[in-house]
C-alpha atoms as a PDB file:
ATOM      1  CA  MET A   1       0.000   0.000   0.000  1.00  0.00           C
ATOM      2  CA  THR A   2       1.213   3.521  -0.768  1.00  0.00           C
ATOM      3  CA  GLN A   3       0.094   7.019   0.141  1.00  0.00           C
ATOM      4  CA  ASP A   4      -1.443   9.580  -2.176  1.00  0.00           C
ATOM      5  CA  ALA A   5      -0.443  13.278  -2.446  1.00  0.00           C
ATOM      6  CA  ALA A   6      -2.708  14.158   0.496  1.00  0.00           C
ATOM      7  CA  GLY A   7      -1.133  11.492   2.686  1.00  0.00           C
ATOM      8  CA  GLY A   8      -4.041   9.026   2.372  1.00  0.00           C
ATOM      9  CA  PRO A   9      -3.594   5.377   1.501  1.00  0.00           C
ATOM     10  CA  THR A  10      -3.885   4.190  -2.075  1.00  0.00           C
ATOM     11  CA  THR A  11      -3.977   0.713  -3.517  1.00  0.00           C
ATOM     12  CA  ARG A  12      -2.089  -0.791  -6.392  1.00  0.00           C
ATOM     13  CA  ASN A  13      -5.385  -0.946  -8.290  1.00  0.00           C
ATOM     14  CA  ASP A  14      -5.715   2.847  -7.981  1.00  0.00           C
ATOM     15  CA  ASP A  15      -2.173   3.295  -9.233  1.00  0.00           C
ATOM     16  CA  ALA A  16      -2.838   1.000 -12.147  1.00  0.00           C
ATOM     17  CA  GLN A  17      -6.004   2.864 -13.083  1.00  0.00           C
ATOM     18  CA  GLN A  18      -4.216   6.210 -13.008  1.00  0.00           C
ATOM     19  CA  ALA A  19      -1.468   4.834 -15.193  1.00  0.00           C
ATOM     20  CA  ALA A  20      -4.024   3.442 -17.645  1.00  0.00           C
ATOM     21  CA  ASP A  21      -5.809   6.813 -17.791  1.00  0.00           C
ATOM     22  CA  GLN A  22      -2.533   8.580 -18.496  1.00  0.00           C
ATOM     23  CA  ASP A  23      -1.696   6.096 -21.224  1.00  0.00           C
ATOM     24  CA  GLU A  24      -5.117   6.582 -22.803  1.00  0.00           C
ATOM     25  CA  GLN A  25      -4.727  10.359 -22.777  1.00  0.00           C
ATOM     26  CA  ALA A  26      -1.281  10.018 -24.324  1.00  0.00           C
ATOM     27  CA  ARG A  27      -2.546   7.941 -27.284  1.00  0.00           C
ATOM     28  CA  PRO A  28      -2.395   9.874 -30.586  1.00  0.00           C
ATOM     29  CA  GLU A  29      -5.964   8.827 -31.391  1.00  0.00           C
ATOM     30  CA  ALA A  30      -7.210  10.252 -28.104  1.00  0.00           C
ATOM     31  CA  ARG A  31      -5.512  13.594 -28.710  1.00  0.00           C
ATOM     32  CA  LEU A  32      -6.857  13.661 -32.255  1.00  0.00           C
ATOM     33  CA  ALA A  33     -10.380  12.858 -31.073  1.00  0.00           C
ATOM     34  CA  LYS A  34     -10.144  15.764 -28.636  1.00  0.00           C
ATOM     35  CA  ALA A  35      -9.055  18.076 -31.453  1.00  0.00           C
ATOM     36  CA  VAL A  36     -11.959  16.896 -33.613  1.00  0.00           C
ATOM     37  CA  GLY A  37     -14.434  17.578 -30.808  1.00  0.00           C
ATOM     38  CA  ALA A  38     -13.073  21.089 -30.325  1.00  0.00           C
ATOM     39  CA  ALA A  39     -13.191  21.742 -34.075  1.00  0.00           C
ATOM     40  CA  GLU A  40     -16.790  20.497 -34.293  1.00  0.00           C
ATOM     41  CA  HIS A  41     -17.864  22.771 -31.441  1.00  0.00           C
ATOM     42  CA  ALA A  42     -16.108  25.773 -33.001  1.00  0.00           C
ATOM     43  CA  LEU A  43     -17.671  25.077 -36.399  1.00  0.00           C
ATOM     44  CA  ILE A  44     -21.181  24.825 -34.972  1.00  0.00           C
ATOM     45  CA  GLU A  45     -20.758  28.117 -33.091  1.00  0.00           C
ATOM     46  CA  PHE A  46     -19.459  29.750 -36.266  1.00  0.00           C
ATOM     47  CA  GLU A  47     -22.361  28.369 -38.320  1.00  0.00           C
ATOM     48  CA  ILE A  48     -24.856  29.647 -35.749  1.00  0.00           C
ATOM     49  CA  ALA A  49     -23.289  33.106 -35.960  1.00  0.00           C
ATOM     50  CA  VAL A  50     -23.352  33.088 -39.775  1.00  0.00           C
ATOM     51  CA  GLU A  51     -26.976  31.893 -39.918  1.00  0.00           C
ATOM     52  CA  THR A  52     -28.025  34.514 -37.352  1.00  0.00           C
ATOM     53  CA  PHE A  53     -26.362  37.249 -39.390  1.00  0.00           C
ATOM     54  CA  ARG A  54     -27.940  35.896 -42.604  1.00  0.00           C
ATOM     55  CA  VAL A  55     -31.395  36.123 -41.027  1.00  0.00           C
ATOM     56  CA  GLU A  56     -30.680  39.652 -39.829  1.00  0.00           C
ATOM     57  CA  VAL A  57     -29.536  40.678 -43.314  1.00  0.00           C
ATOM     58  CA  GLU A  58     -32.579  39.092 -44.956  1.00  0.00           C
ATOM     59  CA  ASN A  59     -35.050  40.676 -42.557  1.00  0.00           C
ATOM     60  CA  PHE A  60     -33.359  44.076 -42.626  1.00  0.00           C
ATOM     61  CA  SER A  61     -33.398  43.929 -46.422  1.00  0.00           C
ATOM     62  CA  ARG A  62     -37.154  43.266 -46.317  1.00  0.00           C
ATOM     63  CA  LEU A  63     -37.717  46.202 -43.969  1.00  0.00           C
ATOM     64  CA  HIS A  64     -35.472  48.369 -46.119  1.00  0.00           C
ATOM     65  CA  HIS A  65     -37.530  47.660 -49.237  1.00  0.00           C
ATOM     66  CA  GLN A  66     -40.849  48.029 -47.441  1.00  0.00           C
ATOM     67  CA  LYS A  67     -40.018  51.392 -45.946  1.00  0.00           C
ATOM     68  CA  LEU A  68     -37.628  52.979 -48.449  1.00  0.00           C
ATOM     69  CA  GLY A  69     -38.646  51.362 -51.725  1.00  0.00           C
ATOM     70  CA  PRO A  70     -41.448  53.875 -52.409  1.00  0.00           C
ATOM     71  CA  MET A  71     -39.081  56.773 -51.814  1.00  0.00           C
ATOM     72  CA  TYR A  72     -36.534  55.404 -54.271  1.00  0.00           C
ATOM     73  CA  ALA A  73     -39.363  54.932 -56.785  1.00  0.00           C
ATOM     74  CA  ARG A  74     -40.501  58.517 -56.272  1.00  0.00           C
ATOM     75  CA  LEU A  75     -36.952  59.812 -56.804  1.00  0.00           C
ATOM     76  CA  ASP A  76     -36.657  57.855 -60.066  1.00  0.00           C
ATOM     77  CA  GLU A  77     -39.994  59.276 -61.256  1.00  0.00           C
ATOM     78  CA  LEU A  78     -38.938  62.823 -60.391  1.00  0.00           C
ATOM     79  CA  ASP A  79     -35.592  62.349 -62.190  1.00  0.00           C
ATOM     80  CA  ALA A  80     -37.484  61.219 -65.295  1.00  0.00           C
ATOM     81  CA  GLN A  81     -39.879  64.171 -65.142  1.00  0.00           C
ATOM     82  CA  ILE A  82     -36.994  66.619 -64.669  1.00  0.00           C
ATOM     83  CA  ALA A  83     -35.108  65.144 -67.639  1.00  0.00           C
ATOM     84  CA  GLU A  84     -38.273  65.291 -69.768  1.00  0.00           C
ATOM     85  CA  ALA A  85     -38.914  68.906 -68.765  1.00  0.00           C
ATOM     86  CA  ARG A  86     -35.353  69.875 -69.713  1.00  0.00           C
ATOM     87  CA  ALA A  87     -35.645  68.086 -73.045  1.00  0.00           C
ATOM     88  CA  ALA A  88     -38.962  69.810 -73.777  1.00  0.00           C
ATOM     89  CA  ARG A  89     -37.367  73.179 -73.094  1.00  0.00           C
ATOM     90  CA  SER A  90     -34.179  72.698 -75.069  1.00  0.00           C
ATOM     91  CA  GLY A  91     -35.147  70.259 -77.806  1.00  0.00           C
ATOM     92  CA  ASP A  92     -31.528  69.135 -77.735  1.00  0.00           C
ATOM     93  CA  PRO A  93     -31.042  65.510 -78.967  1.00  0.00           C
ATOM     94  CA  GLU A  94     -28.737  64.753 -76.062  1.00  0.00           C
ATOM     95  CA  ASP A  95     -31.347  65.976 -73.565  1.00  0.00           C
ATOM     96  CA  LEU A  96     -33.963  63.870 -75.343  1.00  0.00           C
ATOM     97  CA  ARG A  97     -31.721  60.814 -75.088  1.00  0.00           C
ATOM     98  CA  LYS A  98     -31.175  61.402 -71.356  1.00  0.00           C
ATOM     99  CA  ALA A  99     -34.932  61.807 -70.857  1.00  0.00           C
ATOM    100  CA  GLN A 100     -35.600  58.504 -72.591  1.00  0.00           C
ATOM    101  CA  GLU A 101     -32.993  56.754 -70.440  1.00  0.00           C
ATOM    102  CA  ALA A 102     -34.450  58.254 -67.266  1.00  0.00           C
ATOM    103  CA  ARG A 103     -37.969  57.188 -68.234  1.00  0.00           C
ATOM    104  CA  ALA A 104     -36.737  53.679 -69.054  1.00  0.00           C
ATOM    105  CA  MET A 105     -35.437  53.418 -65.475  1.00  0.00           C
ATOM    106  CA  VAL A 106     -38.973  54.053 -64.203  1.00  0.00           C
ATOM    107  CA  LEU A 107     -40.927  51.778 -66.541  1.00  0.00           C
ATOM    108  CA  PRO A 108     -41.666  48.459 -64.803  1.00  0.00           C
ATOM    109  CA  MET A 109     -40.174  45.237 -66.119  1.00  0.00           C
ATOM    110  CA  PRO A 110     -42.503  42.299 -66.828  1.00  0.00           C
ATOM    111  CA  GLY A 111     -43.556  40.706 -63.567  1.00  0.00           C
ATOM    112  CA  VAL A 112     -42.529  43.632 -61.383  1.00  0.00           C
ATOM    113  CA  ASP A 113     -46.130  44.596 -60.618  1.00  0.00           C
ATOM    114  CA  GLU A 114     -46.729  41.166 -59.156  1.00  0.00           C
ATOM    115  CA  LEU A 115     -43.608  41.389 -57.032  1.00  0.00           C
ATOM    116  CA  PHE A 116     -44.313  44.851 -55.655  1.00  0.00           C
ATOM    117  CA  HIS A 117     -48.102  44.958 -55.520  1.00  0.00           C
ATOM    118  CA  ASP A 118     -47.960  45.630 -51.787  1.00  0.00           C
ATOM    119  CA  TRP A 119     -46.719  49.188 -52.295  1.00  0.00           C
ATOM    120  CA  MET A 120     -47.338  49.976 -55.981  1.00  0.00           C
ATOM    121  CA  ASP A 121     -50.811  50.857 -57.320  1.00  0.00           C
ATOM    122  CA  SER A 122     -52.021  52.053 -60.733  1.00  0.00           C
ATOM    123  CA  ASP A 123     -50.614  55.511 -60.001  1.00  0.00           C
ATOM    124  CA  GLY A 124     -47.233  54.120 -59.019  1.00  0.00           C
ATOM    125  CA  LEU A 125     -47.524  54.506 -55.249  1.00  0.00           C
ATOM    126  CA  SER A 126     -49.631  52.790 -52.627  1.00  0.00           C
ATOM    127  CA  PRO A 127     -51.482  54.784 -49.921  1.00  0.00           C
ATOM    128  CA  GLU A 128     -48.699  53.867 -47.462  1.00  0.00           C
ATOM    129  CA  ALA A 129     -46.051  55.161 -49.868  1.00  0.00           C
ATOM    130  CA  SER A 130     -47.994  58.360 -50.517  1.00  0.00           C
ATOM    131  CA  ALA A 131     -48.347  58.893 -46.776  1.00  0.00           C
ATOM    132  CA  MET A 132     -44.587  58.608 -46.372  1.00  0.00           C
ATOM    133  CA  LEU A 133     -44.035  61.312 -48.954  1.00  0.00           C
ATOM    134  CA  THR A 134     -46.638  63.691 -47.471  1.00  0.00           C
ATOM    135  CA  ASP A 135     -45.631  63.324 -43.796  1.00  0.00           C
ATOM    136  CA  GLN A 136     -48.924  61.579 -42.960  1.00  0.00           C
ATOM    137  CA  PRO A 137     -49.065  58.729 -40.416  1.00  0.00           C
ATOM    138  CA  VAL A 138     -48.084  55.444 -42.013  1.00  0.00           C
ATOM    139  CA  ARG A 139     -48.440  51.859 -40.873  1.00  0.00           C
ATOM    140  CA  ALA A 140     -44.980  50.657 -39.903  1.00  0.00           C
ATOM    141  CA  PRO A 141     -43.682  47.559 -41.683  1.00  0.00           C
ATOM    142  CA  LYS A 142     -43.987  44.336 -39.736  1.00  0.00           C
ATOM    143  CA  ARG A 143     -41.021  43.754 -37.460  1.00  0.00           C
ATOM    144  CA  VAL A 144     -39.545  40.402 -38.330  1.00  0.00           C
ATOM    145  CA  ARG A 145     -36.170  40.420 -36.621  1.00  0.00           C
ATOM    146  CA  PRO A 146     -36.005  37.460 -34.179  1.00  0.00           C
ATOM    147  CA  SER A 147     -36.470  38.301 -30.520  1.00  0.00           C
ATOM    148  CA  GLU A 148     -33.926  37.418 -27.836  1.00  0.00           C
ATOM    149  CA  GLU A 149     -36.107  34.456 -26.839  1.00  0.00           C
ATOM    150  CA  ALA A 150     -36.152  33.198 -30.436  1.00  0.00           C
ATOM    151  CA  ARG A 151     -32.389  33.629 -30.679  1.00  0.00           C
ATOM    152  CA  LYS A 152     -31.848  31.625 -27.500  1.00  0.00           C
ATOM    153  CA  LEU A 153     -34.146  28.816 -28.641  1.00  0.00           C
ATOM    154  CA  TYR A 154     -32.471  28.712 -32.032  1.00  0.00           C
ATOM    155  CA  ARG A 155     -28.982  28.486 -30.580  1.00  0.00           C
ATOM    156  CA  GLU A 156     -30.013  25.669 -28.242  1.00  0.00           C
ATOM    157  CA  LEU A 157     -31.674  23.696 -31.040  1.00  0.00           C
ATOM    158  CA  ALA A 158     -28.758  24.226 -33.405  1.00  0.00           C
ATOM    159  CA  ARG A 159     -26.314  22.898 -30.803  1.00  0.00           C
ATOM    160  CA  LYS A 160     -28.427  19.826 -30.058  1.00  0.00           C
ATOM    161  CA  ALA A 161     -29.694  18.872 -33.508  1.00  0.00           C
ATOM    162  CA  HIS A 162     -26.955  20.076 -35.839  1.00  0.00           C
ATOM    163  CA  PRO A 163     -26.372  17.603 -38.717  1.00  0.00           C
ATOM    164  CA  ASP A 164     -22.608  17.819 -38.245  1.00  0.00           C
ATOM    165  CA  LEU A 165     -22.990  15.889 -34.983  1.00  0.00           C
ATOM    166  CA  ALA A 166     -24.161  12.761 -36.823  1.00  0.00           C
ATOM    167  CA  GLN A 167     -21.968  10.241 -38.587  1.00  0.00           C
ATOM    168  CA  ASP A 168     -24.770   7.858 -39.535  1.00  0.00           C
ATOM    169  CA  GLU A 169     -26.368   8.921 -42.830  1.00  0.00           C
ATOM    170  CA  THR A 170     -29.917   8.207 -41.681  1.00  0.00           C
ATOM    171  CA  GLU A 171     -29.440  10.322 -38.579  1.00  0.00           C
ATOM    172  CA  ARG A 172     -27.818  13.085 -40.640  1.00  0.00           C
ATOM    173  CA  VAL A 173     -30.836  13.228 -42.970  1.00  0.00           C
ATOM    174  CA  ARG A 174     -33.199  13.383 -39.988  1.00  0.00           C
ATOM    175  CA  ARG A 175     -31.223  16.233 -38.470  1.00  0.00           C
ATOM    176  CA  GLU A 176     -30.994  18.144 -41.759  1.00  0.00           C
ATOM    177  CA  GLU A 177     -34.761  17.975 -42.227  1.00  0.00           C
ATOM    178  CA  PHE A 178     -35.324  19.089 -38.651  1.00  0.00           C
ATOM    179  CA  ILE A 179     -32.828  21.977 -38.852  1.00  0.00           C
ATOM    180  CA  THR A 180     -34.505  23.153 -42.066  1.00  0.00           C
ATOM    181  CA  ARG A 181     -37.733  23.574 -40.098  1.00  0.00           C
ATOM    182  CA  VAL A 182     -35.825  25.279 -37.277  1.00  0.00           C
ATOM    183  CA  ASN A 183     -34.234  27.747 -39.718  1.00  0.00           C
ATOM    184  CA  ALA A 184     -37.634  28.533 -41.250  1.00  0.00           C
ATOM    185  CA  ALA A 185     -39.166  29.256 -37.838  1.00  0.00           C
ATOM    186  CA  TYR A 186     -36.162  31.370 -36.849  1.00  0.00           C
ATOM    187  CA  GLY A 187     -36.374  33.354 -40.079  1.00  0.00           C
ATOM    188  CA  LEU A 188     -39.944  34.283 -39.125  1.00  0.00           C
ATOM    189  CA  GLY A 189     -38.950  35.071 -35.549  1.00  0.00           C
ATOM    190  CA  ASP A 190     -41.567  32.527 -34.407  1.00  0.00           C
ATOM    191  CA  ALA A 191     -40.613  31.754 -30.790  1.00  0.00           C
ATOM    192  CA  VAL A 192     -43.764  29.657 -30.262  1.00  0.00           C
ATOM    193  CA  GLN A 193     -42.904  27.349 -33.129  1.00  0.00           C
ATOM    194  CA  LEU A 194     -39.303  27.120 -31.938  1.00  0.00           C
ATOM    195  CA  LYS A 195     -40.564  26.011 -28.512  1.00  0.00           C
ATOM    196  CA  GLU A 196     -42.676  23.322 -30.167  1.00  0.00           C
ATOM    197  CA  LEU A 197     -39.679  22.165 -32.176  1.00  0.00           C
ATOM    198  CA  ALA A 198     -37.588  22.007 -28.997  1.00  0.00           C
ATOM    199  CA  GLU A 199     -40.220  19.785 -27.388  1.00  0.00           C
ATOM    200  CA  GLU A 200     -40.352  17.616 -30.502  1.00  0.00           C
ATOM    201  CA  TRP A 201     -36.590  17.144 -30.478  1.00  0.00           C
ATOM    202  CA  ALA A 202     -36.534  16.347 -26.783  1.00  0.00           C
ATOM    203  CA  ALA A 203     -39.143  13.630 -27.316  1.00  0.00           C
ATOM    204  CA  GLY A 204     -37.379  12.095 -30.318  1.00  0.00           C
ATOM    205  CA  PRO A 205     -34.356   9.779 -30.594  1.00  0.00           C
ATOM    206  CA  VAL A 206     -31.070  11.195 -29.429  1.00  0.00           C
ATOM    207  CA  SER A 207     -27.896  10.214 -31.198  1.00  0.00           C
ATOM    208  CA  ALA A 208     -24.706   9.774 -29.268  1.00  0.00           C
ATOM    209  CA  ALA A 209     -21.917  12.152 -30.124  1.00  0.00           C
ATOM    210  CA  PRO A 210     -19.565  10.520 -32.612  1.00  0.00           C
ATOM    211  CA  ARG A 211     -16.328   9.156 -31.141  1.00  0.00           C
ATOM    212  CA  PRO A 212     -14.375   7.699 -34.057  1.00  0.00           C
ATOM    213  CA  SER A 213     -11.685   5.275 -32.992  1.00  0.00           C
ATOM    214  CA  GLU A 214      -9.650   5.081 -36.183  1.00  0.00           C
ATOM    215  CA  SER A 215      -7.096   7.823 -36.835  1.00  0.00           C
ATOM    216  CA  GLU A 216      -7.922   7.796 -40.571  1.00  0.00           C
ATOM    217  CA  GLU A 217     -11.551   8.658 -39.841  1.00  0.00           C
ATOM    218  CA  LEU A 218     -10.499  11.392 -37.460  1.00  0.00           C
ATOM    219  CA  TYR A 219      -8.171  12.982 -39.986  1.00  0.00           C
ATOM    220  CA  ALA A 220     -10.907  12.805 -42.632  1.00  0.00           C
ATOM    221  CA  ARG A 221     -13.297  14.467 -40.193  1.00  0.00           C
ATOM    222  CA  LEU A 222     -10.861  17.300 -39.498  1.00  0.00           C
ATOM    223  CA  GLU A 223     -10.376  17.838 -43.226  1.00  0.00           C
ATOM    224  CA  TRP A 224     -14.143  18.049 -43.763  1.00  0.00           C
ATOM    225  CA  LEU A 225     -14.492  20.500 -40.885  1.00  0.00           C
ATOM    226  CA  ALA A 226     -11.782  22.709 -42.377  1.00  0.00           C
ATOM    227  CA  GLN A 227     -13.501  22.709 -45.771  1.00  0.00           C
ATOM    228  CA  ARG A 228     -16.830  23.533 -44.178  1.00  0.00           C
ATOM    229  CA  LYS A 229     -15.273  26.439 -42.293  1.00  0.00           C
ATOM    230  CA  GLU A 230     -13.806  27.827 -45.526  1.00  0.00           C
ATOM    231  CA  LEU A 231     -17.244  27.690 -47.131  1.00  0.00           C
ATOM    232  CA  LEU A 232     -18.898  29.443 -44.188  1.00  0.00           C
ATOM    233  CA  THR A 233     -16.148  32.070 -44.164  1.00  0.00           C
ATOM    234  CA  ALA A 234     -16.889  32.834 -47.810  1.00  0.00           C
ATOM    235  CA  VAL A 235     -20.632  33.089 -47.059  1.00  0.00           C
ATOM    236  CA  ALA A 236     -19.987  35.388 -44.095  1.00  0.00           C
ATOM    237  CA  ARG A 237     -17.678  37.590 -46.168  1.00  0.00           C
ATOM    238  CA  GLU A 238     -20.287  37.896 -48.916  1.00  0.00           C
ATOM    239  CA  LEU A 239     -22.949  38.891 -46.385  1.00  0.00           C
ATOM    240  CA  GLU A 240     -20.698  41.433 -44.694  1.00  0.00           C
ATOM    241  CA  GLU A 241     -19.536  43.006 -47.945  1.00  0.00           C
ATOM    242  CA  GLY A 242     -23.074  43.346 -49.347  1.00  0.00           C
ATOM    243  CA  ALA A 243     -24.913  46.647 -49.177  1.00  0.00           C
ATOM    244  CA  ILE A 244     -27.350  45.489 -46.484  1.00  0.00           C
ATOM    245  CA  GLY A 245     -24.599  43.861 -44.422  1.00  0.00           C
ATOM    246  CA  ALA A 246     -22.568  47.058 -44.557  1.00  0.00           C
ATOM    247  CA  MET A 247     -25.591  49.020 -43.354  1.00  0.00           C
ATOM    248  CA  LEU A 248     -26.106  46.620 -40.443  1.00  0.00           C
ATOM    249  CA  ARG A 249     -22.474  47.010 -39.411  1.00  0.00           C
ATOM    250  CA  MET A 250     -23.023  50.776 -39.247  1.00  0.00           C
ATOM    251  CA  ALA A 251     -25.758  50.384 -36.613  1.00  0.00           C
ATOM    252  CA  PRO A 252     -25.704  46.840 -35.172  1.00  0.00           C
ATOM    253  CA  ASP A 253     -27.579  47.820 -32.012  1.00  0.00           C
ATOM    254  CA  ASP A 254     -30.309  49.966 -33.586  1.00  0.00           C
ATOM    255  CA  PRO A 255     -30.818  49.237 -37.304  1.00  0.00           C
ATOM    256  CA  ASP A 256     -34.347  50.664 -37.180  1.00  0.00           C
ATOM    257  CA  ARG A 257     -32.909  54.055 -36.342  1.00  0.00           C
ATOM    258  CA  LEU A 258     -30.603  53.773 -39.348  1.00  0.00           C
ATOM    259  CA  LEU A 259     -33.654  53.248 -41.560  1.00  0.00           C
ATOM    260  CA  GLU A 260     -35.220  56.385 -40.089  1.00  0.00           C
ATOM    261  CA  GLU A 261     -32.084  58.401 -40.866  1.00  0.00           C
ATOM    262  CA  ILE A 262     -31.967  57.146 -44.461  1.00  0.00           C
ATOM    263  CA  ALA A 263     -35.687  57.897 -44.845  1.00  0.00           C
ATOM    264  CA  GLU A 264     -35.093  61.473 -43.688  1.00  0.00           C
ATOM    265  CA  GLN A 265     -32.295  61.873 -46.238  1.00  0.00           C
ATOM    266  CA  LEU A 266     -34.480  60.492 -49.035  1.00  0.00           C
ATOM    267  CA  LEU A 267     -37.354  62.778 -48.094  1.00  0.00           C
ATOM    268  CA  ALA A 268     -34.986  65.739 -48.308  1.00  0.00           C
ATOM    269  CA  GLN A 269     -33.893  64.594 -51.786  1.00  0.00           C
ATOM    270  CA  VAL A 270     -37.534  64.235 -52.849  1.00  0.00           C
ATOM    271  CA  SER A 271     -38.208  67.819 -51.741  1.00  0.00           C
ATOM    272  CA  GLU A 272     -35.184  69.070 -53.686  1.00  0.00           C
ATOM    273  CA  ARG A 273     -36.259  67.219 -56.843  1.00  0.00           C
ATOM    274  CA  GLU A 274     -39.844  68.509 -56.536  1.00  0.00           C
ATOM    275  CA  ALA A 275     -38.573  72.082 -56.217  1.00  0.00           C
ATOM    276  CA  GLU A 276     -36.301  71.630 -59.247  1.00  0.00           C
ATOM    277  CA  LEU A 277     -39.170  70.186 -61.307  1.00  0.00           C
ATOM    278  CA  ALA A 278     -41.467  73.025 -60.290  1.00  0.00           C
ATOM    279  CA  SER A 279     -38.897  75.586 -61.495  1.00  0.00           C
ATOM    280  CA  LEU A 280     -38.631  73.835 -64.887  1.00  0.00           C
ATOM    281  CA  VAL A 281     -42.356  73.610 -65.607  1.00  0.00           C
ATOM    282  CA  GLN A 282     -43.221  77.176 -64.654  1.00  0.00           C
END
């Protein structure tokens, strides 16, 4: 019998177990498995962050078009009318060409009416759009950014049900189908549906975390994780470098206020264009 570090007695069986544990931890496969687990966790966290940002970009883009689209349309119409008024005054061929180009920018393309029927009417602007341009009260666009509760539920579901945690193909397919439903609910900011999905997952089969034993499989897994990270990095870069992503980076804590500021700037431009047009048609 020996004594441990605290002075207590230990047995040879304890010593043997400690030695076996140390040997297991020293095995290359064990160290590699630990690295794979860390890489999987990091990839899932990164994918959650990218998906969250994608949803924010998509929803902010929708709000941007709902609130500012009519103002951009009004500016294009005013630019066309100004160019036409100048061409009518001068009769210059170059002015006529510019007027035609400006009017072509306003004319709808086939199918556009169907896409934008929510804010375009036969006169070009819906009542909501007209209200925006005349400082009348306007119904605010529906807020679709996920709430903190929805974000929390989404993160928890993504960690538990992520397809990357499955090695078996059948289980991977099940997880992919489930995560597709989770992403759809998150995109709508539907916390109630996310709760129901959490209950559904908790009641369903749970797969054990993969613990490959062969070093070849572990190396292949690490290679796949690296490729997946490169793909997600490219997606994240594309989102960040896009116009909407750049706008979100300007005001990450209050994007709605950024929309208000842009709306004020557009309204000022509309007023300037209307004054210029009035001076040309007098």
